[in-house]
Amino acid sequence: MKNNKSEVIYLILSIITIALAGGIYLVFGNNSSTNQANFTSQDTKMAAEKKAEKLVSRLEDKQTQEDLEAAQKAVDKVEEEKTKASLQKRIEAVETELSAQEGAEKAVAAAEANQTLENLHAAQDAVNIVSNPERKAALQKRIEAVSAALAAIGLN
């Protein structure tokens, strides 16, 4: 009988131990999937930041409207506010440059179409704002052609 009683006690203790281990697994075993989801979410965030950084750098190099739109879409997907603000500031600087180039292009075209000193000076002022050296040189060459035409008729 004594042997039978100790067997029952060991059986009960074994069942309690198994139940306790199962409970611990159910409570804490679910965290690994949550942690995996967090890692995946962080990977997605980092990928979005890297893509945005790459596109903003490309925008700064090429300064085209298509690159501007692509970079803006990528930056809009960035969730981390500090990074997003930094990238947005860089986009705005390029936007300012692109609008300066567009304004200078229009002013030079107006000076070419209607060759007056006022249009020439307005075009020169607009070109002086452009900071892209290649674009500025091309516009300056066109202004010099207008200036030469004005000098030829004695208006310069």
N, C-alpha and C. Protein backbone atom coordinates (compact mmCIF):
# COMPACT_ATOMS: atom_id res chain seq x y z
N MET A 1 0.81 -1.18 0.00
CA MET A 1 0.00 0.00 0.00
C MET A 1 0.86 1.25 0.00
N LYS A 2 1.94 1.17 0.77
CA LYS A 2 2.83 2.32 0.87
C LYS A 2 3.41 2.66 -0.51
N ASN A 3 3.77 1.67 -1.24
CA ASN A 3 4.33 1.87 -2.57
C ASN A 3 3.28 2.45 -3.50
N ASN A 4 2.07 2.04 -3.38
CA ASN A 4 0.97 2.51 -4.20
C ASN A 4 0.66 3.97 -3.90
N LYS A 5 0.73 4.36 -2.62
CA LYS A 5 0.45 5.74 -2.22
C LYS A 5 1.52 6.69 -2.78
N SER A 6 2.77 6.32 -2.73
CA SER A 6 3.84 7.17 -3.25
C SER A 6 3.75 7.28 -4.78
N GLU A 7 3.30 6.19 -5.41
CA GLU A 7 3.12 6.25 -6.86
C GLU A 7 2.03 7.26 -7.23
N VAL A 8 0.97 7.31 -6.47
CA VAL A 8 -0.12 8.25 -6.71
C VAL A 8 0.38 9.67 -6.51
N ILE A 9 1.17 9.90 -5.48
CA ILE A 9 1.71 11.24 -5.20
C ILE A 9 2.62 11.67 -6.36
N TYR A 10 3.49 10.75 -6.81
CA TYR A 10 4.37 11.08 -7.94
C TYR A 10 3.57 11.33 -9.22
N LEU A 11 2.50 10.58 -9.41
CA LEU A 11 1.65 10.77 -10.57
C LEU A 11 0.99 12.15 -10.52
N ILE A 12 0.47 12.53 -9.36
CA ILE A 12 -0.16 13.85 -9.21
C ILE A 12 0.87 14.95 -9.41
N LEU A 13 2.05 14.80 -8.82
CA LEU A 13 3.11 15.81 -8.99
C LEU A 13 3.55 15.91 -10.46
N SER A 14 3.60 14.79 -11.15
CA SER A 14 3.96 14.80 -12.57
C SER A 14 2.91 15.54 -13.39
N ILE A 15 1.64 15.28 -13.09
CA ILE A 15 0.56 15.95 -13.81
C ILE A 15 0.59 17.45 -13.55
N ILE A 16 0.83 17.85 -12.29
CA ILE A 16 0.92 19.27 -11.95
C ILE A 16 2.10 19.91 -12.67
N THR A 17 3.23 19.24 -12.72
CA THR A 17 4.43 19.77 -13.40
C THR A 17 4.17 19.94 -14.90
N ILE A 18 3.55 18.95 -15.50
CA ILE A 18 3.24 19.04 -16.93
C ILE A 18 2.26 20.17 -17.19
N ALA A 19 1.24 20.30 -16.34
CA ALA A 19 0.25 21.38 -16.50
C ALA A 19 0.93 22.74 -16.34
N LEU A 20 1.81 22.85 -15.35
CA LEU A 20 2.53 24.11 -15.13
C LEU A 20 3.43 24.44 -16.33
N ALA A 21 4.14 23.46 -16.85
CA ALA A 21 5.00 23.68 -18.01
C ALA A 21 4.17 24.09 -19.23
N GLY A 22 3.03 23.43 -19.42
CA GLY A 22 2.13 23.78 -20.52
C GLY A 22 1.59 25.19 -20.38
N GLY A 23 1.24 25.58 -19.17
CA GLY A 23 0.75 26.94 -18.93
C GLY A 23 1.81 27.98 -19.22
N ILE A 24 3.03 27.70 -18.79
CA ILE A 24 4.13 28.63 -19.06
C ILE A 24 4.36 28.75 -20.56
N TYR A 25 4.29 27.64 -21.26
CA TYR A 25 4.47 27.67 -22.71
C TYR A 25 3.37 28.50 -23.38
N LEU A 26 2.14 28.30 -22.94
CA LEU A 26 1.03 29.04 -23.54
C LEU A 26 1.15 30.54 -23.29
N VAL A 27 1.60 30.90 -22.10
CA VAL A 27 1.71 32.32 -21.77
C VAL A 27 2.90 32.97 -22.48
N PHE A 28 4.06 32.34 -22.40
CA PHE A 28 5.27 32.97 -22.93
C PHE A 28 5.66 32.47 -24.32
N GLY A 29 5.14 31.37 -24.76
CA GLY A 29 5.48 30.82 -26.07
C GLY A 29 4.93 31.66 -27.21
N ASN A 30 3.89 32.41 -26.99
CA ASN A 30 3.27 33.24 -28.01
C ASN A 30 4.10 34.49 -28.31
N ASN A 31 4.98 34.89 -27.41
CA ASN A 31 5.79 36.10 -27.60
C ASN A 31 6.74 35.98 -28.78
N SER A 32 7.18 34.79 -29.11
CA SER A 32 8.13 34.66 -30.21
C SER A 32 7.50 35.10 -31.53
N SER A 33 6.23 34.81 -31.75
CA SER A 33 5.59 35.26 -32.98
C SER A 33 5.41 36.77 -32.97
N THR A 34 5.14 37.35 -31.81
CA THR A 34 5.03 38.80 -31.69
C THR A 34 6.38 39.45 -31.97
N ASN A 35 7.44 38.88 -31.40
CA ASN A 35 8.77 39.42 -31.65
C ASN A 35 9.14 39.31 -33.13
N GLN A 36 8.76 38.20 -33.75
CA GLN A 36 9.04 38.03 -35.18
C GLN A 36 8.31 39.10 -35.98
N ALA A 37 7.07 39.40 -35.59
CA ALA A 37 6.32 40.44 -36.28
C ALA A 37 6.99 41.79 -36.09
N ASN A 38 7.52 42.05 -34.89
CA ASN A 38 8.22 43.31 -34.63
C ASN A 38 9.47 43.42 -35.50
N PHE A 39 10.22 42.32 -35.63
CA PHE A 39 11.41 42.35 -36.47
C PHE A 39 11.03 42.62 -37.92
N THR A 40 9.98 41.97 -38.38
CA THR A 40 9.53 42.17 -39.76
C THR A 40 9.09 43.61 -39.97
N SER A 41 8.39 44.16 -39.00
CA SER A 41 7.94 45.55 -39.09
C SER A 41 9.14 46.50 -39.12
N GLN A 42 10.14 46.23 -38.28
CA GLN A 42 11.33 47.08 -38.27
C GLN A 42 12.09 46.96 -39.58
N ASP A 43 12.17 45.74 -40.14
CA ASP A 43 12.83 45.55 -41.42
C ASP A 43 12.13 46.35 -42.51
N THR A 44 10.80 46.33 -42.49
CA THR A 44 10.03 47.08 -43.48
C THR A 44 10.28 48.57 -43.34
N LYS A 45 10.32 49.05 -42.10
CA LYS A 45 10.57 50.48 -41.86
C LYS A 45 11.96 50.87 -42.35
N MET A 46 12.95 50.03 -42.05
CA MET A 46 14.32 50.33 -42.47
C MET A 46 14.43 50.29 -44.00
N ALA A 47 13.73 49.35 -44.62
CA ALA A 47 13.76 49.27 -46.08
C ALA A 47 13.14 50.52 -46.69
N ALA A 48 12.05 51.00 -46.10
CA ALA A 48 11.40 52.23 -46.60
C ALA A 48 12.34 53.42 -46.44
N GLU A 49 13.05 53.49 -45.31
CA GLU A 49 13.99 54.60 -45.09
C GLU A 49 15.15 54.54 -46.09
N LYS A 50 15.69 53.34 -46.31
CA LYS A 50 16.80 53.20 -47.26
C LYS A 50 16.36 53.58 -48.68
N LYS A 51 15.18 53.13 -49.06
CA LYS A 51 14.67 53.44 -50.40
C LYS A 51 14.48 54.95 -50.54
N ALA A 52 13.91 55.57 -49.52
CA ALA A 52 13.69 57.02 -49.56
C ALA A 52 15.02 57.76 -49.64
N GLU A 53 15.99 57.33 -48.86
CA GLU A 53 17.32 57.97 -48.87
C GLU A 53 17.95 57.85 -50.26
N LYS A 54 17.84 56.68 -50.85
CA LYS A 54 18.41 56.45 -52.18
C LYS A 54 17.74 57.35 -53.22
N LEU A 55 16.42 57.43 -53.17
CA LEU A 55 15.69 58.24 -54.15
C LEU A 55 15.94 59.73 -53.95
N VAL A 56 16.09 60.17 -52.71
CA VAL A 56 16.38 61.59 -52.46
C VAL A 56 17.79 61.92 -52.96
N SER A 57 18.73 61.03 -52.75
CA SER A 57 20.09 61.25 -53.27
C SER A 57 20.08 61.33 -54.79
N ARG A 58 19.31 60.43 -55.41
CA ARG A 58 19.20 60.46 -56.87
C ARG A 58 18.56 61.77 -57.33
N LEU A 59 17.56 62.22 -56.61
CA LEU A 59 16.91 63.50 -56.93
C LEU A 59 17.90 64.64 -56.85
N GLU A 60 18.72 64.64 -55.81
CA GLU A 60 19.71 65.72 -55.65
C GLU A 60 20.73 65.70 -56.80
N ASP A 61 21.05 64.52 -57.29
CA ASP A 61 22.01 64.41 -58.40
C ASP A 61 21.40 64.82 -59.74
N LYS A 62 20.21 64.28 -60.04
CA LYS A 62 19.63 64.48 -61.37
C LYS A 62 18.69 65.66 -61.47
N GLN A 63 18.02 65.98 -60.40
CA GLN A 63 17.10 67.13 -60.33
C GLN A 63 16.07 67.13 -61.47
N THR A 64 15.28 66.05 -61.53
CA THR A 64 14.21 65.98 -62.51
C THR A 64 12.86 65.89 -61.80
N GLN A 65 11.82 66.25 -62.49
CA GLN A 65 10.47 66.20 -61.91
C GLN A 65 10.06 64.76 -61.59
N GLU A 66 10.44 63.81 -62.44
CA GLU A 66 10.11 62.40 -62.20
C GLU A 66 10.78 61.91 -60.92
N ASP A 67 12.05 62.26 -60.74
CA ASP A 67 12.76 61.86 -59.53
C ASP A 67 12.15 62.54 -58.31
N LEU A 68 11.71 63.77 -58.47
CA LEU A 68 11.07 64.49 -57.37
C LEU A 68 9.81 63.76 -56.92
N GLU A 69 8.99 63.35 -57.85
CA GLU A 69 7.75 62.65 -57.51
C GLU A 69 8.03 61.30 -56.86
N ALA A 70 9.00 60.56 -57.38
CA ALA A 70 9.35 59.25 -56.81
C ALA A 70 9.91 59.41 -55.40
N ALA A 71 10.77 60.39 -55.20
CA ALA A 71 11.36 60.62 -53.88
C ALA A 71 10.28 61.04 -52.87
N GLN A 72 9.36 61.88 -53.30
CA GLN A 72 8.30 62.34 -52.40
C GLN A 72 7.41 61.17 -51.97
N LYS A 73 7.08 60.28 -52.89
CA LYS A 73 6.27 59.11 -52.55
C LYS A 73 6.99 58.22 -51.55
N ALA A 74 8.29 58.03 -51.75
CA ALA A 74 9.07 57.19 -50.84
C ALA A 74 9.18 57.83 -49.46
N VAL A 75 9.38 59.13 -49.40
CA VAL A 75 9.49 59.82 -48.11
C VAL A 75 8.16 59.79 -47.37
N ASP A 76 7.06 59.86 -48.10
CA ASP A 76 5.75 59.79 -47.47
C ASP A 76 5.54 58.47 -46.74
N LYS A 77 6.23 57.41 -47.16
CA LYS A 77 6.09 56.09 -46.54
C LYS A 77 6.97 55.91 -45.32
N VAL A 78 7.93 56.81 -45.10
CA VAL A 78 8.82 56.73 -43.94
C VAL A 78 8.02 57.09 -42.69
N GLU A 79 8.13 56.26 -41.65
CA GLU A 79 7.36 56.48 -40.43
C GLU A 79 8.13 57.26 -39.37
N GLU A 80 9.44 57.11 -39.33
CA GLU A 80 10.24 57.77 -38.30
C GLU A 80 10.31 59.26 -38.61
N GLU A 81 9.77 60.07 -37.72
CA GLU A 81 9.56 61.50 -37.97
C GLU A 81 10.86 62.28 -38.22
N LYS A 82 11.90 61.99 -37.45
CA LYS A 82 13.15 62.73 -37.59
C LYS A 82 13.77 62.49 -38.98
N THR A 83 13.80 61.25 -39.39
CA THR A 83 14.33 60.90 -40.71
C THR A 83 13.46 61.50 -41.81
N LYS A 84 12.16 61.40 -41.62
CA LYS A 84 11.22 61.92 -42.61
C LYS A 84 11.40 63.44 -42.78
N ALA A 85 11.55 64.16 -41.66
CA ALA A 85 11.73 65.61 -41.72
C ALA A 85 13.03 65.98 -42.43
N SER A 86 14.08 65.23 -42.15
CA SER A 86 15.37 65.49 -42.79
C SER A 86 15.29 65.28 -44.31
N LEU A 87 14.68 64.18 -44.70
CA LEU A 87 14.54 63.89 -46.13
C LEU A 87 13.63 64.91 -46.81
N GLN A 88 12.57 65.31 -46.12
CA GLN A 88 11.63 66.28 -46.68
C GLN A 88 12.32 67.63 -46.90
N LYS A 89 13.19 68.00 -45.98
CA LYS A 89 13.93 69.26 -46.11
C LYS A 89 14.83 69.23 -47.35
N ARG A 90 15.45 68.08 -47.59
CA ARG A 90 16.30 67.94 -48.77
C ARG A 90 15.47 68.00 -50.06
N ILE A 91 14.29 67.41 -50.03
CA ILE A 91 13.40 67.47 -51.19
C ILE A 91 12.98 68.91 -51.46
N GLU A 92 12.66 69.63 -50.41
CA GLU A 92 12.23 71.02 -50.57
C GLU A 92 13.34 71.88 -51.16
N ALA A 93 14.59 71.60 -50.79
CA ALA A 93 15.71 72.35 -51.37
C ALA A 93 15.80 72.10 -52.88
N VAL A 94 15.60 70.87 -53.29
CA VAL A 94 15.63 70.56 -54.72
C VAL A 94 14.41 71.17 -55.42
N GLU A 95 13.26 71.15 -54.75
CA GLU A 95 12.06 71.78 -55.33
C GLU A 95 12.31 73.26 -55.58
N THR A 96 12.97 73.92 -54.64
CA THR A 96 13.29 75.34 -54.80
C THR A 96 14.20 75.54 -56.00
N GLU A 97 15.19 74.69 -56.14
CA GLU A 97 16.11 74.78 -57.27
C GLU A 97 15.38 74.52 -58.59
N LEU A 98 14.51 73.52 -58.60
CA LEU A 98 13.76 73.23 -59.83
C LEU A 98 12.85 74.38 -60.22
N SER A 99 12.22 75.02 -59.24
CA SER A 99 11.36 76.16 -59.57
C SER A 99 12.19 77.35 -60.03
N ALA A 100 13.40 77.51 -59.48
CA ALA A 100 14.30 78.58 -59.94
C ALA A 100 14.72 78.31 -61.39
N GLN A 101 15.01 77.05 -61.70
CA GLN A 101 15.38 76.70 -63.07
C GLN A 101 14.22 76.93 -64.03
N GLU A 102 13.02 76.58 -63.59
CA GLU A 102 11.84 76.77 -64.44
C GLU A 102 11.59 78.26 -64.68
N GLY A 103 11.72 79.06 -63.61
CA GLY A 103 11.53 80.51 -63.75
C GLY A 103 12.58 81.12 -64.66
N ALA A 104 13.82 80.66 -64.52
CA ALA A 104 14.90 81.17 -65.37
C ALA A 104 14.66 80.78 -66.83
N GLU A 105 14.21 79.55 -67.05
CA GLU A 105 13.92 79.09 -68.41
C GLU A 105 12.84 79.97 -69.05
N LYS A 106 11.80 80.27 -68.29
CA LYS A 106 10.72 81.11 -68.82
C LYS A 106 11.22 82.53 -69.10
N ALA A 107 12.04 83.06 -68.20
CA ALA A 107 12.56 84.42 -68.37
C ALA A 107 13.48 84.51 -69.59
N VAL A 108 14.32 83.50 -69.77
CA VAL A 108 15.22 83.49 -70.93
C VAL A 108 14.42 83.34 -72.22
N ALA A 109 13.40 82.49 -72.20
CA ALA A 109 12.55 82.32 -73.38
C ALA A 109 11.84 83.64 -73.71
N ALA A 110 11.40 84.35 -72.69
CA ALA A 110 10.74 85.65 -72.91
C ALA A 110 11.74 86.65 -73.49
N ALA A 111 12.98 86.63 -73.00
CA ALA A 111 14.01 87.54 -73.52
C ALA A 111 14.35 87.21 -74.97
N GLU A 112 14.34 85.93 -75.30
CA GLU A 112 14.62 85.54 -76.68
C GLU A 112 13.47 85.93 -77.61
N ALA A 113 12.24 85.79 -77.10
CA ALA A 113 11.07 86.10 -77.93
C ALA A 113 10.89 87.60 -78.11
N ASN A 114 11.14 88.37 -77.06
CA ASN A 114 10.96 89.82 -77.09
C ASN A 114 12.25 90.45 -76.57
N GLN A 115 13.17 90.73 -77.45
CA GLN A 115 14.51 91.16 -77.08
C GLN A 115 14.54 92.63 -76.67
N THR A 116 14.36 92.85 -75.35
CA THR A 116 14.47 94.19 -74.78
C THR A 116 15.44 94.12 -73.62
N LEU A 117 15.96 95.29 -73.23
CA LEU A 117 16.87 95.32 -72.08
C LEU A 117 16.19 94.86 -70.81
N GLU A 118 14.91 95.22 -70.63
CA GLU A 118 14.18 94.82 -69.43
C GLU A 118 14.09 93.29 -69.34
N ASN A 119 13.73 92.67 -70.47
CA ASN A 119 13.63 91.21 -70.49
C ASN A 119 15.00 90.56 -70.29
N LEU A 120 16.04 91.19 -70.86
CA LEU A 120 17.39 90.67 -70.69
C LEU A 120 17.81 90.71 -69.22
N HIS A 121 17.55 91.85 -68.55
CA HIS A 121 17.92 91.97 -67.13
C HIS A 121 17.09 91.03 -66.26
N ALA A 122 15.80 90.89 -66.57
CA ALA A 122 14.95 89.96 -65.81
C ALA A 122 15.45 88.52 -65.98
N ALA A 123 15.84 88.17 -67.19
CA ALA A 123 16.37 86.83 -67.44
C ALA A 123 17.68 86.62 -66.70
N GLN A 124 18.55 87.63 -66.71
CA GLN A 124 19.83 87.51 -66.01
C GLN A 124 19.62 87.34 -64.51
N ASP A 125 18.68 88.11 -63.94
CA ASP A 125 18.38 87.99 -62.51
C ASP A 125 17.85 86.59 -62.19
N ALA A 126 17.00 86.06 -63.06
CA ALA A 126 16.45 84.72 -62.84
C ALA A 126 17.54 83.65 -62.94
N VAL A 127 18.45 83.80 -63.89
CA VAL A 127 19.53 82.83 -64.05
C VAL A 127 20.51 82.89 -62.88
N ASN A 128 20.71 84.06 -62.32
CA ASN A 128 21.62 84.20 -61.17
C ASN A 128 21.15 83.39 -59.97
N ILE A 129 19.86 83.12 -59.87
CA ILE A 129 19.32 82.35 -58.74
C ILE A 129 19.59 80.86 -58.90
N VAL A 130 19.73 80.38 -60.13
CA VAL A 130 19.95 78.96 -60.40
C VAL A 130 21.31 78.54 -59.84
N SER A 131 21.34 77.41 -59.13
CA SER A 131 22.61 76.97 -58.55
C SER A 131 23.21 75.75 -59.28
N ASN A 132 22.45 75.08 -60.12
CA ASN A 132 22.97 73.96 -60.89
C ASN A 132 23.91 74.51 -61.96
N PRO A 133 25.22 74.20 -61.88
CA PRO A 133 26.19 74.83 -62.78
C PRO A 133 25.97 74.53 -64.27
N GLU A 134 25.60 73.29 -64.61
CA GLU A 134 25.39 72.97 -66.02
C GLU A 134 24.18 73.72 -66.58
N ARG A 135 23.10 73.70 -65.81
CA ARG A 135 21.87 74.37 -66.25
C ARG A 135 22.10 75.88 -66.34
N LYS A 136 22.82 76.42 -65.35
CA LYS A 136 23.10 77.85 -65.33
C LYS A 136 23.94 78.26 -66.54
N ALA A 137 24.94 77.45 -66.88
CA ALA A 137 25.80 77.75 -68.02
C ALA A 137 25.02 77.74 -69.33
N ALA A 138 24.12 76.78 -69.47
CA ALA A 138 23.31 76.70 -70.70
C ALA A 138 22.40 77.92 -70.82
N LEU A 139 21.78 78.31 -69.72
CA LEU A 139 20.91 79.49 -69.75
C LEU A 139 21.72 80.77 -69.99
N GLN A 140 22.89 80.84 -69.38
CA GLN A 140 23.75 82.02 -69.54
C GLN A 140 24.18 82.18 -71.00
N LYS A 141 24.45 81.06 -71.65
CA LYS A 141 24.84 81.10 -73.06
C LYS A 141 23.71 81.68 -73.91
N ARG A 142 22.48 81.32 -73.59
CA ARG A 142 21.33 81.85 -74.33
C ARG A 142 21.15 83.35 -74.06
N ILE A 143 21.42 83.76 -72.81
CA ILE A 143 21.32 85.19 -72.47
C ILE A 143 22.38 85.98 -73.23
N GLU A 144 23.57 85.42 -73.33
CA GLU A 144 24.65 86.10 -74.05
C GLU A 144 24.29 86.26 -75.53
N ALA A 145 23.57 85.30 -76.09
CA ALA A 145 23.13 85.42 -77.49
C ALA A 145 22.14 86.56 -77.63
N VAL A 146 21.23 86.70 -76.67
CA VAL A 146 20.27 87.80 -76.70
C VAL A 146 21.00 89.13 -76.52
N SER A 147 21.96 89.15 -75.61
CA SER A 147 22.74 90.36 -75.36
C SER A 147 23.51 90.77 -76.62
N ALA A 148 24.08 89.79 -77.32
CA ALA A 148 24.81 90.09 -78.56
C ALA A 148 23.85 90.63 -79.63
N ALA A 149 22.66 90.08 -79.68
CA ALA A 149 21.67 90.57 -80.66
C ALA A 149 21.26 92.00 -80.33
N LEU A 150 21.12 92.30 -79.05
CA LEU A 150 20.77 93.67 -78.65
C LEU A 150 21.92 94.63 -78.93
N ALA A 151 23.14 94.16 -78.72
CA ALA A 151 24.31 95.00 -79.00
C ALA A 151 24.42 95.27 -80.49
N ALA A 152 24.05 94.31 -81.30
CA ALA A 152 24.13 94.48 -82.75
C ALA A 152 23.18 95.56 -83.25
N ILE A 153 22.08 95.74 -82.56
CA ILE A 153 21.15 96.80 -82.98
C ILE A 153 21.32 98.06 -82.15
N GLY A 154 22.33 98.05 -81.27
CA GLY A 154 22.67 99.25 -80.52
C GLY A 154 21.86 99.48 -79.25
N LEU A 155 21.21 98.46 -78.71
CA LEU A 155 20.41 98.63 -77.49
C LEU A 155 21.15 98.22 -76.23
N ASN A 156 22.33 97.71 -76.37
CA ASN A 156 23.03 97.22 -75.18
C ASN A 156 24.05 98.18 -74.69
